[in-house]
Amino acid sequence: MKDKAKMNEMNVPRQRRTQDGLGPNTDIGAKLRAFYGSVEDQPIPDNLLDLLDKLDQVERASKQKGN
């Protein structure tokens, strides 16, 4: 009898997510959004900011020479 009760529990249909037409791509999209959202919140590394500043300085210097 116990085995029959366990079998009945196993045959209960699982709740499914609503169909949005994308199937497993919905899960992938949600995980990618969460990952990129966390990356967005991270600060820009100082060495990258220094590099961008140097690039701006070179651009300004080349514009002044060109005038």
C-alpha atoms as a PDB file:
ATOM      1  CA  MET A   1       0.000   0.000   0.000  1.00  0.00           C
ATOM      2  CA  LYS A   2       2.804   2.410   0.803  1.00  0.00           C
ATOM      3  CA  ASP A   3       4.334   1.887  -2.635  1.00  0.00           C
ATOM      4  CA  LYS A   4       1.029   2.654  -4.322  1.00  0.00           C
ATOM      5  CA  ALA A   5       0.745   5.909  -2.364  1.00  0.00           C
ATOM      6  CA  LYS A   6       4.246   6.884  -3.453  1.00  0.00           C
ATOM      7  CA  MET A   7       3.400   6.104  -7.070  1.00  0.00           C
ATOM      8  CA  ASN A   8       0.323   8.298  -6.847  1.00  0.00           C
ATOM      9  CA  GLU A   9       2.427  11.157  -5.507  1.00  0.00           C
ATOM     10  CA  MET A  10       4.848  10.770  -8.387  1.00  0.00           C
ATOM     11  CA  ASN A  11       2.044  10.947 -10.955  1.00  0.00           C
ATOM     12  CA  VAL A  12       0.883  14.382  -9.811  1.00  0.00           C
ATOM     13  CA  PRO A  13       1.382  16.716 -12.752  1.00  0.00           C
ATOM     14  CA  ARG A  14       4.025  19.370 -12.247  1.00  0.00           C
ATOM     15  CA  GLN A  15       3.042  22.981 -12.392  1.00  0.00           C
ATOM     16  CA  ARG A  16       4.322  24.489 -15.587  1.00  0.00           C
ATOM     17  CA  ARG A  17       5.269  28.033 -16.280  1.00  0.00           C
ATOM     18  CA  THR A  18       3.038  30.026 -18.531  1.00  0.00           C
ATOM     19  CA  GLN A  19       3.950  29.613 -22.154  1.00  0.00           C
ATOM     20  CA  ASP A  20       5.496  32.736 -23.632  1.00  0.00           C
ATOM     21  CA  GLY A  21       6.552  31.071 -26.851  1.00  0.00           C
ATOM     22  CA  LEU A  22      10.249  31.117 -25.979  1.00  0.00           C
ATOM     23  CA  GLY A  23      10.555  27.932 -23.932  1.00  0.00           C
ATOM     24  CA  PRO A  24      13.991  27.503 -22.334  1.00  0.00           C
ATOM     25  CA  ASN A  25      15.140  30.808 -23.840  1.00  0.00           C
ATOM     26  CA  THR A  26      13.067  32.578 -21.197  1.00  0.00           C
ATOM     27  CA  ASP A  27      15.233  31.096 -18.441  1.00  0.00           C
ATOM     28  CA  ILE A  28      18.425  31.929 -20.316  1.00  0.00           C
ATOM     29  CA  GLY A  29      17.267  35.498 -20.872  1.00  0.00           C
ATOM     30  CA  ALA A  30      16.384  35.971 -17.209  1.00  0.00           C
ATOM     31  CA  LYS A  31      19.773  34.670 -16.084  1.00  0.00           C
ATOM     32  CA  LEU A  32      21.614  36.868 -18.583  1.00  0.00           C
ATOM     33  CA  ARG A  33      19.668  39.949 -17.445  1.00  0.00           C
ATOM     34  CA  ALA A  34      20.551  39.176 -13.815  1.00  0.00           C
ATOM     35  CA  PHE A  35      24.230  38.669 -14.684  1.00  0.00           C
ATOM     36  CA  TYR A  36      24.564  41.819 -16.776  1.00  0.00           C
ATOM     37  CA  GLY A  37      22.647  43.781 -14.156  1.00  0.00           C
ATOM     38  CA  SER A  38      25.226  42.799 -11.561  1.00  0.00           C
ATOM     39  CA  VAL A  39      28.051  43.750 -13.938  1.00  0.00           C
ATOM     40  CA  GLU A  40      26.445  47.153 -14.513  1.00  0.00           C
ATOM     41  CA  ASP A  41      26.533  47.844 -10.788  1.00  0.00           C
ATOM     42  CA  GLN A  42      30.295  47.281 -10.550  1.00  0.00           C
ATOM     43  CA  PRO A  43      32.542  50.349 -10.586  1.00  0.00           C
ATOM     44  CA  ILE A  44      34.782  51.114 -13.553  1.00  0.00           C
ATOM     45  CA  PRO A  45      38.366  50.020 -12.753  1.00  0.00           C
ATOM     46  CA  ASP A  46      40.807  52.861 -12.047  1.00  0.00           C
ATOM     47  CA  ASN A  47      43.291  51.694 -14.678  1.00  0.00           C
ATOM     48  CA  LEU A  48      40.582  51.925 -17.352  1.00  0.00           C
ATOM     49  CA  LEU A  49      39.637  55.426 -16.208  1.00  0.00           C
ATOM     50  CA  ASP A  50      43.332  56.427 -16.346  1.00  0.00           C
ATOM     51  CA  LEU A  51      43.617  55.029 -19.859  1.00  0.00           C
ATOM     52  CA  LEU A  52      40.532  56.947 -20.999  1.00  0.00           C
ATOM     53  CA  ASP A  53      41.923  60.129 -19.472  1.00  0.00           C
ATOM     54  CA  LYS A  54      45.224  59.686 -21.333  1.00  0.00           C
ATOM     55  CA  LEU A  55      43.303  59.136 -24.560  1.00  0.00           C
ATOM     56  CA  ASP A  56      41.373  62.372 -24.010  1.00  0.00           C
ATOM     57  CA  GLN A  57      44.623  64.237 -23.421  1.00  0.00           C
ATOM     58  CA  VAL A  58      46.110  62.903 -26.671  1.00  0.00           C
ATOM     59  CA  GLU A  59      42.972  63.855 -28.604  1.00  0.00           C
ATOM     60  CA  ARG A  60      43.018  67.403 -27.180  1.00  0.00           C
ATOM     61  CA  ALA A  61      46.718  67.779 -27.982  1.00  0.00           C
ATOM     62  CA  SER A  62      46.213  66.599 -31.570  1.00  0.00           C
ATOM     63  CA  LYS A  63      43.312  69.016 -32.072  1.00  0.00           C
ATOM     64  CA  GLN A  64      45.405  71.918 -30.786  1.00  0.00           C
ATOM     65  CA  LYS A  65      48.237  71.031 -33.200  1.00  0.00           C
ATOM     66  CA  GLY A  66      45.781  70.775 -36.082  1.00  0.00           C
ATOM     67  CA  ASN A  67      44.405  74.321 -35.534  1.00  0.00           C
END
